[in-house]
Amino acid sequence: MFGGMKRNPAPTLAVLAATGSLLMFGPPSGSADAAAACAGRPVKTVGFSTGELRLYKGNGYACAVTEAKSPGPRRQMSVTIQARGGAPAGDSGAYTQRAGPVTVHAGNRCVRATGSISGSSAETGWVC
């Protein structure tokens, strides 16, 4: 070692391991308020009075998220996504900012999504 200094590799290895797992597996799941936005390219955004429904596609998957116009107190939010011929997947609960993201395997199939915040809702229709 130069200058007689020794470094403990444990902190560096821990950061590398955490970064590697984040890159491989994505952000940890849990509260939708802490979830990151969807991966892929945005294909459709539908605005409604209390927020937006966003649909993304990429690498054979489709993802949807319902985002509030302004974060605030917890209120009922939901998002549902479905690939044509597949079962719908969704997220629903009392959130402050967003419901989702929710991802389904879409391949080359059309997908549709619905979202709602406090009774106001939107849908994308089939997006191919």
N, C-alpha and C. Protein backbone atom coordinates (compact mmCIF):
# COMPACT_ATOMS: atom_id res chain seq x y z
N MET A 1 0.84 -1.18 0.00
CA MET A 1 0.00 0.00 0.00
C MET A 1 0.88 1.24 0.00
N PHE A 2 0.39 2.29 -0.61
CA PHE A 2 1.13 3.55 -0.66
C PHE A 2 0.89 4.34 0.61
N GLY A 3 1.96 4.90 1.16
CA GLY A 3 1.85 5.76 2.32
C GLY A 3 1.44 5.03 3.59
N GLY A 4 1.42 3.72 3.62
CA GLY A 4 1.11 2.97 4.81
C GLY A 4 -0.37 2.97 5.19
N MET A 5 -1.24 3.50 4.35
CA MET A 5 -2.68 3.51 4.68
C MET A 5 -3.32 2.21 4.23
N LYS A 6 -4.17 1.68 5.09
CA LYS A 6 -4.94 0.48 4.74
C LYS A 6 -6.40 0.86 4.67
N ARG A 7 -7.09 0.29 3.69
CA ARG A 7 -8.52 0.58 3.53
C ARG A 7 -9.31 -0.67 3.81
N ASN A 8 -10.42 -0.50 4.45
CA ASN A 8 -11.32 -1.62 4.71
C ASN A 8 -12.23 -1.77 3.48
N PRO A 9 -12.19 -2.91 2.78
CA PRO A 9 -12.99 -3.06 1.57
C PRO A 9 -14.48 -3.31 1.83
N ALA A 10 -14.88 -3.56 3.07
CA ALA A 10 -16.27 -3.91 3.36
C ALA A 10 -17.28 -2.84 2.91
N PRO A 11 -17.08 -1.53 3.23
CA PRO A 11 -18.07 -0.54 2.78
C PRO A 11 -18.18 -0.46 1.25
N THR A 12 -17.04 -0.55 0.57
CA THR A 12 -17.06 -0.49 -0.88
C THR A 12 -17.78 -1.70 -1.46
N LEU A 13 -17.55 -2.87 -0.91
CA LEU A 13 -18.21 -4.08 -1.39
C LEU A 13 -19.72 -4.03 -1.14
N ALA A 14 -20.12 -3.46 -0.02
CA ALA A 14 -21.54 -3.36 0.29
C ALA A 14 -22.25 -2.44 -0.71
N VAL A 15 -21.61 -1.32 -1.05
CA VAL A 15 -22.20 -0.40 -2.03
C VAL A 15 -22.28 -1.06 -3.39
N LEU A 16 -21.24 -1.77 -3.79
CA LEU A 16 -21.26 -2.46 -5.08
C LEU A 16 -22.33 -3.53 -5.12
N ALA A 17 -22.50 -4.27 -4.06
CA ALA A 17 -23.52 -5.32 -4.01
C ALA A 17 -24.92 -4.72 -4.09
N ALA A 18 -25.15 -3.64 -3.37
CA ALA A 18 -26.46 -3.00 -3.40
C ALA A 18 -26.75 -2.43 -4.79
N THR A 19 -25.76 -1.81 -5.40
CA THR A 19 -25.94 -1.25 -6.74
C THR A 19 -26.20 -2.35 -7.74
N GLY A 20 -25.46 -3.44 -7.64
CA GLY A 20 -25.65 -4.57 -8.56
C GLY A 20 -27.03 -5.17 -8.45
N SER A 21 -27.52 -5.35 -7.23
CA SER A 21 -28.85 -5.94 -7.07
C SER A 21 -29.93 -4.98 -7.57
N LEU A 22 -29.72 -3.67 -7.42
CA LEU A 22 -30.69 -2.70 -7.92
C LEU A 22 -30.73 -2.74 -9.44
N LEU A 23 -29.57 -2.88 -10.08
CA LEU A 23 -29.53 -2.96 -11.53
C LEU A 23 -30.17 -4.25 -12.03
N MET A 24 -29.97 -5.36 -11.33
CA MET A 24 -30.49 -6.65 -11.77
C MET A 24 -31.97 -6.81 -11.49
N PHE A 25 -32.42 -6.38 -10.32
CA PHE A 25 -33.78 -6.67 -9.88
C PHE A 25 -34.68 -5.46 -9.81
N GLY A 26 -34.17 -4.26 -10.03
CA GLY A 26 -34.99 -3.06 -9.96
C GLY A 26 -35.13 -2.59 -8.53
N PRO A 27 -35.87 -1.51 -8.34
CA PRO A 27 -36.02 -0.98 -6.99
C PRO A 27 -36.85 -1.92 -6.14
N PRO A 28 -36.64 -1.89 -4.82
CA PRO A 28 -37.40 -2.78 -3.95
C PRO A 28 -38.88 -2.44 -4.01
N SER A 29 -39.71 -3.48 -3.94
CA SER A 29 -41.15 -3.23 -3.94
C SER A 29 -41.59 -2.90 -2.53
N GLY A 30 -42.76 -2.40 -2.40
CA GLY A 30 -43.28 -1.99 -1.11
C GLY A 30 -44.36 -0.96 -1.36
N SER A 31 -44.29 0.13 -0.68
CA SER A 31 -45.25 1.19 -0.84
C SER A 31 -45.20 1.75 -2.26
N ALA A 32 -46.35 1.95 -2.84
CA ALA A 32 -46.38 2.54 -4.18
C ALA A 32 -45.90 3.99 -4.13
N ASP A 33 -45.98 4.62 -2.95
CA ASP A 33 -45.49 5.99 -2.83
C ASP A 33 -43.99 6.05 -3.05
N ALA A 34 -43.27 4.99 -2.76
CA ALA A 34 -41.82 4.99 -2.90
C ALA A 34 -41.36 4.34 -4.19
N ALA A 35 -42.29 3.84 -4.99
CA ALA A 35 -41.92 3.13 -6.20
C ALA A 35 -41.40 4.08 -7.26
N ALA A 36 -40.49 3.57 -8.07
CA ALA A 36 -39.96 4.35 -9.17
C ALA A 36 -40.91 4.26 -10.35
N ALA A 37 -40.74 5.16 -11.30
CA ALA A 37 -41.56 5.13 -12.51
C ALA A 37 -41.27 3.87 -13.32
N CYS A 38 -42.13 3.58 -14.26
CA CYS A 38 -42.00 2.39 -15.10
C CYS A 38 -40.78 2.48 -16.02
N ALA A 39 -40.27 1.30 -16.36
CA ALA A 39 -39.22 1.21 -17.37
C ALA A 39 -39.89 1.14 -18.74
N GLY A 40 -39.13 1.39 -19.77
CA GLY A 40 -39.66 1.34 -21.13
C GLY A 40 -39.93 2.73 -21.65
N ARG A 41 -40.52 2.77 -22.84
CA ARG A 41 -40.83 4.06 -23.45
C ARG A 41 -42.30 4.39 -23.21
N PRO A 42 -42.59 5.65 -22.96
CA PRO A 42 -44.00 6.02 -22.76
C PRO A 42 -44.75 5.89 -24.08
N VAL A 43 -45.91 5.22 -24.05
CA VAL A 43 -46.71 5.04 -25.25
C VAL A 43 -48.04 5.77 -25.18
N LYS A 44 -48.53 6.04 -23.99
CA LYS A 44 -49.79 6.79 -23.88
C LYS A 44 -49.91 7.38 -22.49
N THR A 45 -50.37 8.63 -22.45
CA THR A 45 -50.68 9.31 -21.20
C THR A 45 -52.07 9.88 -21.31
N VAL A 46 -52.92 9.59 -20.32
CA VAL A 46 -54.29 10.09 -20.32
C VAL A 46 -54.48 10.90 -19.04
N GLY A 47 -54.77 12.18 -19.20
CA GLY A 47 -55.01 13.03 -18.05
C GLY A 47 -56.47 13.01 -17.62
N PHE A 48 -56.71 13.20 -16.35
CA PHE A 48 -58.07 13.35 -15.82
C PHE A 48 -58.01 14.34 -14.68
N SER A 49 -59.14 14.69 -14.10
CA SER A 49 -59.21 15.83 -13.18
C SER A 49 -58.24 15.76 -12.01
N THR A 50 -57.95 14.59 -11.49
CA THR A 50 -57.09 14.50 -10.30
C THR A 50 -55.70 13.94 -10.58
N GLY A 51 -55.42 13.53 -11.82
CA GLY A 51 -54.10 12.99 -12.09
C GLY A 51 -53.91 12.53 -13.52
N GLU A 52 -52.97 11.59 -13.71
CA GLU A 52 -52.65 11.05 -15.02
C GLU A 52 -52.47 9.54 -14.94
N LEU A 53 -52.86 8.87 -16.00
CA LEU A 53 -52.60 7.45 -16.19
C LEU A 53 -51.53 7.35 -17.25
N ARG A 54 -50.42 6.68 -16.94
CA ARG A 54 -49.30 6.57 -17.88
C ARG A 54 -49.05 5.11 -18.22
N LEU A 55 -48.87 4.85 -19.52
CA LEU A 55 -48.62 3.49 -20.02
C LEU A 55 -47.27 3.47 -20.73
N TYR A 56 -46.46 2.47 -20.39
CA TYR A 56 -45.12 2.31 -20.96
C TYR A 56 -44.98 0.91 -21.54
N LYS A 57 -44.17 0.77 -22.59
CA LYS A 57 -43.88 -0.55 -23.16
C LYS A 57 -42.39 -0.64 -23.47
N GLY A 58 -41.85 -1.85 -23.32
CA GLY A 58 -40.46 -2.08 -23.67
C GLY A 58 -40.01 -3.48 -23.31
N ASN A 59 -39.17 -4.07 -24.15
CA ASN A 59 -38.59 -5.40 -23.92
C ASN A 59 -39.64 -6.47 -23.63
N GLY A 60 -40.77 -6.41 -24.32
CA GLY A 60 -41.79 -7.43 -24.16
C GLY A 60 -42.70 -7.24 -22.97
N TYR A 61 -42.54 -6.15 -22.23
CA TYR A 61 -43.36 -5.89 -21.06
C TYR A 61 -44.10 -4.58 -21.21
N ALA A 62 -45.20 -4.45 -20.49
CA ALA A 62 -45.95 -3.20 -20.43
C ALA A 62 -46.12 -2.84 -18.95
N CYS A 63 -46.14 -1.56 -18.67
CA CYS A 63 -46.20 -1.08 -17.29
C CYS A 63 -47.13 0.12 -17.23
N ALA A 64 -47.88 0.24 -16.16
CA ALA A 64 -48.80 1.38 -15.98
C ALA A 64 -48.67 1.94 -14.57
N VAL A 65 -48.90 3.23 -14.47
CA VAL A 65 -48.88 3.92 -13.18
C VAL A 65 -49.92 5.03 -13.22
N THR A 66 -50.60 5.24 -12.09
CA THR A 66 -51.52 6.37 -11.93
C THR A 66 -50.83 7.36 -11.01
N GLU A 67 -50.67 8.59 -11.48
CA GLU A 67 -49.91 9.61 -10.75
C GLU A 67 -50.84 10.77 -10.41
N ALA A 68 -50.86 11.19 -9.14
CA ALA A 68 -51.68 12.33 -8.71
C ALA A 68 -51.09 13.63 -9.24
N LYS A 69 -51.95 14.60 -9.54
CA LYS A 69 -51.47 15.91 -9.99
C LYS A 69 -50.64 16.58 -8.91
N SER A 70 -51.07 16.44 -7.68
CA SER A 70 -50.31 17.01 -6.58
C SER A 70 -50.36 16.05 -5.40
N PRO A 71 -49.19 15.72 -4.84
CA PRO A 71 -49.16 14.86 -3.65
C PRO A 71 -49.94 15.52 -2.52
N GLY A 72 -50.54 14.71 -1.70
CA GLY A 72 -51.32 15.25 -0.60
C GLY A 72 -51.62 14.16 0.40
N PRO A 73 -52.73 14.31 1.10
CA PRO A 73 -53.10 13.28 2.07
C PRO A 73 -53.43 11.97 1.35
N ARG A 74 -53.39 10.89 2.08
CA ARG A 74 -53.72 9.58 1.49
C ARG A 74 -55.14 9.60 0.97
N ARG A 75 -55.30 9.06 -0.23
CA ARG A 75 -56.62 8.93 -0.85
C ARG A 75 -56.63 7.66 -1.68
N GLN A 76 -57.81 7.19 -2.01
CA GLN A 76 -57.94 5.94 -2.75
C GLN A 76 -57.42 6.12 -4.17
N MET A 77 -56.47 5.24 -4.58
CA MET A 77 -55.92 5.25 -5.93
C MET A 77 -55.83 3.82 -6.43
N SER A 78 -55.94 3.66 -7.76
CA SER A 78 -55.77 2.33 -8.33
C SER A 78 -55.22 2.43 -9.74
N VAL A 79 -54.60 1.34 -10.18
CA VAL A 79 -54.13 1.20 -11.55
C VAL A 79 -54.26 -0.27 -11.92
N THR A 80 -54.71 -0.54 -13.14
CA THR A 80 -54.85 -1.90 -13.64
C THR A 80 -54.31 -1.93 -15.06
N ILE A 81 -53.61 -3.01 -15.40
CA ILE A 81 -53.09 -3.19 -16.75
C ILE A 81 -53.37 -4.62 -17.19
N GLN A 82 -53.63 -4.78 -18.50
CA GLN A 82 -53.94 -6.10 -19.03
C GLN A 82 -53.41 -6.21 -20.44
N ALA A 83 -52.71 -7.31 -20.72
CA ALA A 83 -52.32 -7.64 -22.09
C ALA A 83 -53.46 -8.42 -22.72
N ARG A 84 -53.72 -8.19 -24.00
CA ARG A 84 -54.83 -8.88 -24.67
C ARG A 84 -54.67 -10.39 -24.52
N GLY A 85 -55.70 -11.05 -24.01
CA GLY A 85 -55.68 -12.49 -23.79
C GLY A 85 -55.08 -12.89 -22.46
N GLY A 86 -54.60 -11.95 -21.70
CA GLY A 86 -53.99 -12.25 -20.40
C GLY A 86 -54.85 -11.76 -19.25
N ALA A 87 -54.46 -12.14 -18.06
CA ALA A 87 -55.17 -11.70 -16.86
C ALA A 87 -54.74 -10.29 -16.49
N PRO A 88 -55.65 -9.48 -15.96
CA PRO A 88 -55.26 -8.14 -15.52
C PRO A 88 -54.44 -8.20 -14.24
N ALA A 89 -53.59 -7.20 -14.07
CA ALA A 89 -52.81 -7.04 -12.84
C ALA A 89 -53.05 -5.62 -12.35
N GLY A 90 -53.04 -5.43 -11.04
CA GLY A 90 -53.33 -4.09 -10.55
C GLY A 90 -52.76 -3.80 -9.18
N ASP A 91 -52.92 -2.55 -8.81
CA ASP A 91 -52.51 -2.06 -7.50
C ASP A 91 -53.59 -1.08 -7.04
N SER A 92 -54.02 -1.23 -5.81
CA SER A 92 -55.07 -0.37 -5.28
C SER A 92 -54.80 -0.14 -3.80
N GLY A 93 -55.06 1.07 -3.35
CA GLY A 93 -54.88 1.36 -1.94
C GLY A 93 -54.98 2.85 -1.67
N ALA A 94 -54.68 3.23 -0.44
CA ALA A 94 -54.69 4.63 -0.05
C ALA A 94 -53.26 5.15 -0.14
N TYR A 95 -52.98 5.99 -1.14
CA TYR A 95 -51.63 6.49 -1.40
C TYR A 95 -51.65 8.01 -1.45
N THR A 96 -50.46 8.61 -1.32
CA THR A 96 -50.34 10.07 -1.36
C THR A 96 -49.97 10.59 -2.74
N GLN A 97 -49.30 9.77 -3.56
CA GLN A 97 -48.81 10.27 -4.84
C GLN A 97 -49.11 9.37 -6.03
N ARG A 98 -48.90 8.05 -5.91
CA ARG A 98 -49.09 7.19 -7.09
C ARG A 98 -49.52 5.80 -6.70
N ALA A 99 -50.26 5.17 -7.63
CA ALA A 99 -50.59 3.75 -7.55
C ALA A 99 -49.78 3.06 -8.63
N GLY A 100 -49.15 1.96 -8.30
CA GLY A 100 -48.29 1.26 -9.24
C GLY A 100 -46.84 1.61 -8.94
N PRO A 101 -45.96 1.25 -9.79
CA PRO A 101 -46.14 0.70 -11.13
C PRO A 101 -46.56 -0.78 -11.11
N VAL A 102 -47.32 -1.17 -12.14
CA VAL A 102 -47.76 -2.54 -12.32
C VAL A 102 -47.29 -2.98 -13.70
N THR A 103 -46.65 -4.16 -13.77
CA THR A 103 -46.07 -4.65 -15.01
C THR A 103 -46.65 -6.00 -15.39
N VAL A 104 -46.88 -6.19 -16.70
CA VAL A 104 -47.33 -7.48 -17.24
C VAL A 104 -46.46 -7.83 -18.44
N HIS A 105 -46.34 -9.12 -18.70
CA HIS A 105 -45.65 -9.57 -19.92
C HIS A 105 -46.61 -9.36 -21.07
N ALA A 106 -46.19 -8.60 -22.07
CA ALA A 106 -47.08 -8.27 -23.18
C ALA A 106 -46.61 -8.88 -24.50
N GLY A 107 -45.34 -9.19 -24.63
CA GLY A 107 -44.83 -9.67 -25.91
C GLY A 107 -45.17 -8.66 -26.98
N ASN A 108 -45.80 -9.10 -28.06
CA ASN A 108 -46.24 -8.20 -29.13
C ASN A 108 -47.74 -7.94 -29.08
N ARG A 109 -48.37 -8.20 -27.92
CA ARG A 109 -49.81 -8.04 -27.80
C ARG A 109 -50.19 -6.60 -27.43
N CYS A 110 -51.42 -6.27 -27.74
CA CYS A 110 -51.97 -4.98 -27.34
C CYS A 110 -52.20 -5.00 -25.82
N VAL A 111 -52.18 -3.83 -25.22
CA VAL A 111 -52.43 -3.72 -23.78
C VAL A 111 -53.40 -2.57 -23.53
N ARG A 112 -54.07 -2.64 -22.38
CA ARG A 112 -54.92 -1.54 -21.95
C ARG A 112 -54.71 -1.32 -20.47
N ALA A 113 -54.97 -0.08 -20.03
CA ALA A 113 -54.79 0.26 -18.63
C ALA A 113 -55.92 1.17 -18.18
N THR A 114 -56.23 1.10 -16.90
CA THR A 114 -57.20 1.99 -16.27
C THR A 114 -56.58 2.51 -14.98
N GLY A 115 -56.98 3.70 -14.60
CA GLY A 115 -56.48 4.28 -13.36
C GLY A 115 -57.53 5.17 -12.74
N SER A 116 -57.49 5.30 -11.43
CA SER A 116 -58.43 6.19 -10.76
C SER A 116 -57.81 6.78 -9.51
N ILE A 117 -58.28 7.98 -9.19
CA ILE A 117 -57.89 8.67 -7.95
C ILE A 117 -59.14 9.32 -7.40
N SER A 118 -59.52 8.93 -6.22
CA SER A 118 -60.67 9.51 -5.52
C SER A 118 -61.91 9.61 -6.39
N GLY A 119 -62.23 8.57 -7.12
CA GLY A 119 -63.46 8.55 -7.90
C GLY A 119 -63.33 9.04 -9.33
N SER A 120 -62.30 9.82 -9.66
CA SER A 120 -62.07 10.23 -11.04
C SER A 120 -61.21 9.16 -11.70
N SER A 121 -61.49 8.86 -12.98
CA SER A 121 -60.76 7.77 -13.61
C SER A 121 -60.46 8.05 -15.07
N ALA A 122 -59.60 7.21 -15.64
CA ALA A 122 -59.23 7.29 -17.05
C ALA A 122 -58.88 5.90 -17.53
N GLU A 123 -58.96 5.69 -18.84
CA GLU A 123 -58.53 4.44 -19.43
C GLU A 123 -57.85 4.73 -20.75
N THR A 124 -56.95 3.83 -21.14
CA THR A 124 -56.19 4.04 -22.37
C THR A 124 -56.86 3.46 -23.59
N GLY A 125 -57.77 2.49 -23.42
CA GLY A 125 -58.25 1.72 -24.54
C GLY A 125 -57.12 0.77 -24.96
N TRP A 126 -57.34 -0.04 -25.99
CA TRP A 126 -56.29 -0.98 -26.43
C TRP A 126 -55.21 -0.22 -27.16
N VAL A 127 -53.97 -0.40 -26.72
CA VAL A 127 -52.80 0.23 -27.35
C VAL A 127 -51.94 -0.88 -27.91
N CYS A 128 -51.73 -0.85 -29.23
CA CYS A 128 -50.97 -1.92 -29.89
C CYS A 128 -49.57 -1.44 -30.28
